[in-house]
Protein backbone atom coordinates (compact mmCIF):
# COMPACT_ATOMS: atom_id res chain seq x y z
CA UNK A 1 -12.37 10.73 17.88
CA UNK A 2 -10.06 7.81 17.40
CA UNK A 3 -11.27 4.21 17.46
CA UNK A 4 -9.47 0.83 18.37
CA UNK A 5 -11.05 -2.01 16.71
CA UNK A 6 -10.62 -5.75 16.45
CA UNK A 7 -12.20 -7.45 13.30
CA UNK A 8 -12.64 -11.28 13.04
CA UNK A 9 -11.70 -12.76 9.74
CA UNK A 10 -13.53 -15.33 8.18
CA UNK A 11 -10.66 -18.06 8.89
CA UNK A 12 -11.12 -16.93 12.77
CA UNK A 13 -8.11 -14.45 12.80
CA UNK A 14 -8.24 -11.43 14.75
CA UNK A 15 -6.86 -8.26 13.38
CA UNK A 16 -6.35 -5.12 15.47
CA UNK A 17 -6.39 -1.62 14.08
CA UNK A 18 -7.12 2.13 14.74
CA UNK A 19 -9.07 4.69 12.63
CA UNK A 20 -10.91 7.82 12.81
CA UNK A 21 -13.68 6.40 10.42
CA UNK A 22 -14.64 3.01 11.35
CA UNK A 23 -17.32 2.41 9.03
CA UNK A 24 -15.14 3.29 6.18
CA UNK A 25 -12.20 1.39 7.56
CA UNK A 26 -14.25 -1.74 7.92
CA UNK A 27 -15.66 -1.36 4.34
CA UNK A 28 -11.82 -0.91 3.00
CA UNK A 29 -11.09 -4.14 4.67
CA UNK A 30 -13.79 -6.12 3.01
CA UNK A 31 -12.93 -4.61 -0.34
CA UNK A 32 -9.40 -4.93 0.10
CA UNK A 33 -8.50 -1.17 -0.12
CA UNK A 34 -5.52 0.02 2.07
CA UNK A 35 -5.39 -3.39 4.02
CA UNK A 36 -2.74 -5.74 5.12
CA UNK A 37 -5.86 -8.21 5.44
CA UNK A 38 -5.49 -11.06 2.67
CA UNK A 39 -8.19 -12.00 0.19
CA UNK A 40 -8.47 -15.49 1.72
CA UNK A 41 -9.21 -13.92 5.08
CA UNK A 42 -12.18 -11.72 3.71
CA UNK A 43 -15.01 -10.64 4.59
CA UNK A 44 -14.40 -9.23 8.06
CA UNK A 45 -16.65 -8.73 10.85
CA UNK A 46 -16.28 -5.95 13.68
CA UNK A 47 -16.02 -7.61 17.13
CA UNK A 48 -15.03 -4.96 19.51
CA UNK A 49 -14.24 -1.36 19.33
CA UNK A 50 -13.05 1.43 21.84
CA UNK A 51 -12.91 5.37 21.68
CA UNK A 52 -10.34 7.58 22.51
CA UNK A 53 -9.88 11.44 22.02
CA UNK A 54 -6.17 11.10 20.50
CA UNK A 55 -4.31 9.25 18.12
CA UNK A 56 -1.66 8.77 20.38
CA UNK A 57 -3.77 7.09 23.15
CA UNK A 58 -5.25 4.93 20.33
CA UNK A 59 -2.15 3.59 19.13
CA UNK A 60 -0.83 2.77 22.70
CA UNK A 61 -3.86 0.66 23.23
CA UNK A 62 -3.37 -0.87 19.80
CA UNK A 63 0.00 -1.90 20.34
CA UNK A 64 -1.05 -3.36 23.87
CA UNK A 65 -3.65 -5.59 22.21
CA UNK A 66 -1.62 -6.65 19.33
CA UNK A 67 0.72 -8.35 21.77
CA UNK A 68 -2.08 -10.20 23.64
CA UNK A 69 -2.53 -13.95 23.12
CA UNK A 70 -5.94 -14.77 21.46
CA UNK A 71 -7.64 -16.06 24.76
CA UNK A 72 -7.13 -12.89 26.06
CA UNK A 73 -8.69 -10.71 23.11
CA UNK A 74 -11.53 -13.05 23.11
CA UNK A 75 -12.25 -12.38 26.92
CA UNK A 76 -12.05 -8.66 25.75
CA UNK A 77 -14.49 -9.36 23.08
CA UNK A 78 -16.72 -11.10 25.03
CA UNK A 79 -16.64 -8.43 28.00
CA UNK A 80 -19.25 -6.34 25.56
CA UNK A 81 -21.89 -9.14 25.56
């Protein structure tokens, strides 16, 4: 199982990624381990996730979401609530 996820950084920036271990990945982001999220943007909070059976499917969806506007990402995130 692979997850596509969105985290909200402490400055409001949205970061989209993929991982097979969501809990570990969020911890890594917050500790600054293997992440491109800058220190000034931490801590991060998980705000959205989707499950996929293959990394290829997840990577395709990640790329799609990364191309979206902030407004469209916020609409997706709010669809959970």
